[in-house]
Structure formats: structure tokens, C-alpha cells
Amino acid sequence: MQKNRPKRDIEKCYPKRQFVAKLRRLADCIEQSKRFEIHLAGEKISIPPTAIISIEHERGASEEEIEFQIKWPLKGKTKKAK
């Protein structure tokens, strides 16, 4: 059984070479329908092959942003209706 983990919202910047290596590993896992694992801020994150992948674009007055998003439900949790 997975213990309750605290909510968190972090952002980690990587040098270009490390970022590219992580993207390649992620792309390989997605292509092969395999689980992707990554360590972020001291925590191992395990992303199932059934995760939903999307790309978000935001534009503000002084900058633009692209976010590659990967979402999946937590074990034993269901999304509440709005």
C-alpha cells in the first residue's frame, strides 16, 4: 500500500545535455510502452505507461512558455467530479 505523500510543486532546471538525455529516456519509454522513472528533488517518480501526455502553451505580456505534461492517477485514488 502506498503511503500518503505530501502535495508538492517543484521545478528543476537542468543543463542542456542532461535535459536532452532525460527526454531521450522518456521518449524511449513512451515509444516502448514502458514505465519511466526519474529522481526529482530527492524523490523517485515512477510514471506508468498509461499516463496521459499533453503539451501546454502559455503566452503572457513578456514571455511565452511550453510545458510538456504527463499525468496519471495515484494508486487507489479517483478523480473527483467538479
C-alpha atoms as a PDB file:
ATOM      1  CA  MET A   1       0.000   0.000   0.000  1.00  0.00           C
ATOM      2  CA  GLN A   2       1.320   3.420  -0.928  1.00  0.00           C
ATOM      3  CA  LYS A   3       1.581   5.852   1.975  1.00  0.00           C
ATOM      4  CA  ASN A   4       0.108   9.324   1.681  1.00  0.00           C
ATOM      5  CA  ARG A   5       2.654  11.744   0.326  1.00  0.00           C
ATOM      6  CA  PRO A   6       2.514  15.492   0.885  1.00  0.00           C
ATOM      7  CA  LYS A   7       1.490  17.713  -2.012  1.00  0.00           C
ATOM      8  CA  ARG A   8       4.358  19.396  -3.793  1.00  0.00           C
ATOM      9  CA  ASP A   9       5.039  21.652  -6.757  1.00  0.00           C
ATOM     10  CA  ILE A  10       8.685  21.932  -7.750  1.00  0.00           C
ATOM     11  CA  GLU A  11      10.554  22.994 -10.850  1.00  0.00           C
ATOM     12  CA  LYS A  12      14.086  21.806 -11.567  1.00  0.00           C
ATOM     13  CA  CYS A  13      16.382  23.307 -14.187  1.00  0.00           C
ATOM     14  CA  TYR A  14      18.964  21.099 -15.894  1.00  0.00           C
ATOM     15  CA  PRO A  15      21.932  21.786 -18.154  1.00  0.00           C
ATOM     16  CA  LYS A  16      21.008  21.183 -21.799  1.00  0.00           C
ATOM     17  CA  ARG A  17      22.942  17.885 -22.052  1.00  0.00           C
ATOM     18  CA  GLN A  18      21.188  16.365 -19.001  1.00  0.00           C
ATOM     19  CA  PHE A  19      17.787  17.599 -20.175  1.00  0.00           C
ATOM     20  CA  VAL A  20      18.277  16.030 -23.609  1.00  0.00           C
ATOM     21  CA  ALA A  21      19.320  12.707 -22.028  1.00  0.00           C
ATOM     22  CA  LYS A  22      16.190  12.689 -19.836  1.00  0.00           C
ATOM     23  CA  LEU A  23      13.962  13.494 -22.822  1.00  0.00           C
ATOM     24  CA  ARG A  24      15.528  10.646 -24.806  1.00  0.00           C
ATOM     25  CA  ARG A  25      14.943   8.181 -21.970  1.00  0.00           C
ATOM     26  CA  LEU A  26      11.351   9.410 -21.649  1.00  0.00           C
ATOM     27  CA  ALA A  27      10.744   9.153 -25.409  1.00  0.00           C
ATOM     28  CA  ASP A  28      12.141   5.602 -25.459  1.00  0.00           C
ATOM     29  CA  CYS A  29       9.848   4.551 -22.593  1.00  0.00           C
ATOM     30  CA  ILE A  30       6.792   6.139 -24.227  1.00  0.00           C
ATOM     31  CA  GLU A  31       7.572   4.513 -27.567  1.00  0.00           C
ATOM     32  CA  GLN A  32       8.040   1.083 -25.941  1.00  0.00           C
ATOM     33  CA  SER A  33       5.051   1.464 -23.566  1.00  0.00           C
ATOM     34  CA  LYS A  34       7.360   1.097 -20.555  1.00  0.00           C
ATOM     35  CA  ARG A  35       7.330   2.717 -17.121  1.00  0.00           C
ATOM     36  CA  PHE A  36       9.571   5.817 -16.842  1.00  0.00           C
ATOM     37  CA  GLU A  37      11.407   6.559 -13.598  1.00  0.00           C
ATOM     38  CA  ILE A  38      13.137   9.790 -12.671  1.00  0.00           C
ATOM     39  CA  HIS A  39      14.509  11.306  -9.453  1.00  0.00           C
ATOM     40  CA  LEU A  40      13.375  14.868  -8.710  1.00  0.00           C
ATOM     41  CA  ALA A  41      14.448  16.755  -5.597  1.00  0.00           C
ATOM     42  CA  GLY A  42      15.334  13.548  -3.760  1.00  0.00           C
ATOM     43  CA  GLU A  43      12.176  11.624  -4.662  1.00  0.00           C
ATOM     44  CA  LYS A  44      11.842   8.795  -7.174  1.00  0.00           C
ATOM     45  CA  ILE A  45       8.901   9.377  -9.502  1.00  0.00           C
ATOM     46  CA  SER A  46       7.527   6.378 -11.387  1.00  0.00           C
ATOM     47  CA  ILE A  47       5.370   7.171 -14.407  1.00  0.00           C
ATOM     48  CA  PRO A  48       3.176   4.363 -15.749  1.00  0.00           C
ATOM     49  CA  PRO A  49       2.981   3.691 -19.494  1.00  0.00           C
ATOM     50  CA  THR A  50      -0.736   4.572 -19.358  1.00  0.00           C
ATOM     51  CA  ALA A  51      -0.029   8.190 -18.341  1.00  0.00           C
ATOM     52  CA  ILE A  52      -1.668  10.955 -20.378  1.00  0.00           C
ATOM     53  CA  ILE A  53       0.742  13.205 -22.250  1.00  0.00           C
ATOM     54  CA  SER A  54      -0.109  16.751 -23.312  1.00  0.00           C
ATOM     55  CA  ILE A  55       1.616  19.955 -24.356  1.00  0.00           C
ATOM     56  CA  GLU A  56       0.539  23.283 -22.888  1.00  0.00           C
ATOM     57  CA  HIS A  57       1.332  26.709 -24.353  1.00  0.00           C
ATOM     58  CA  GLU A  58       1.023  29.911 -22.354  1.00  0.00           C
ATOM     59  CA  ARG A  59       1.630  33.472 -23.544  1.00  0.00           C
ATOM     60  CA  GLY A  60       1.879  36.472 -21.277  1.00  0.00           C
ATOM     61  CA  ALA A  61       2.787  40.114 -21.799  1.00  0.00           C
ATOM     62  CA  SER A  62       6.535  39.485 -21.572  1.00  0.00           C
ATOM     63  CA  GLU A  63       7.151  35.762 -22.155  1.00  0.00           C
ATOM     64  CA  GLU A  64       5.880  32.506 -23.600  1.00  0.00           C
ATOM     65  CA  GLU A  65       6.060  29.037 -22.103  1.00  0.00           C
ATOM     66  CA  ILE A  66       5.668  25.472 -23.349  1.00  0.00           C
ATOM     67  CA  GLU A  67       5.103  22.698 -20.808  1.00  0.00           C
ATOM     68  CA  PHE A  68       5.244  19.015 -21.633  1.00  0.00           C
ATOM     69  CA  GLN A  69       2.828  17.483 -19.121  1.00  0.00           C
ATOM     70  CA  ILE A  70       2.475  13.883 -18.045  1.00  0.00           C
ATOM     71  CA  LYS A  71      -0.468  12.997 -15.771  1.00  0.00           C
ATOM     72  CA  TRP A  72      -1.598   9.762 -14.146  1.00  0.00           C
ATOM     73  CA  PRO A  73      -3.894   8.837 -11.255  1.00  0.00           C
ATOM     74  CA  LEU A  74      -2.414   7.839  -7.910  1.00  0.00           C
ATOM     75  CA  LYS A  75      -2.987   4.238  -6.903  1.00  0.00           C
ATOM     76  CA  GLY A  76      -6.272   3.857  -5.083  1.00  0.00           C
ATOM     77  CA  LYS A  77      -7.317   7.439  -5.856  1.00  0.00           C
ATOM     78  CA  THR A  78     -10.026   8.532  -8.234  1.00  0.00           C
ATOM     79  CA  LYS A  79     -10.510  11.981  -9.674  1.00  0.00           C
ATOM     80  CA  LYS A  80     -13.404  13.847  -8.057  1.00  0.00           C
ATOM     81  CA  ALA A  81     -16.085  15.304 -10.302  1.00  0.00           C
ATOM     82  CA  LYS A  82     -16.213  19.096 -10.458  1.00  0.00           C
END
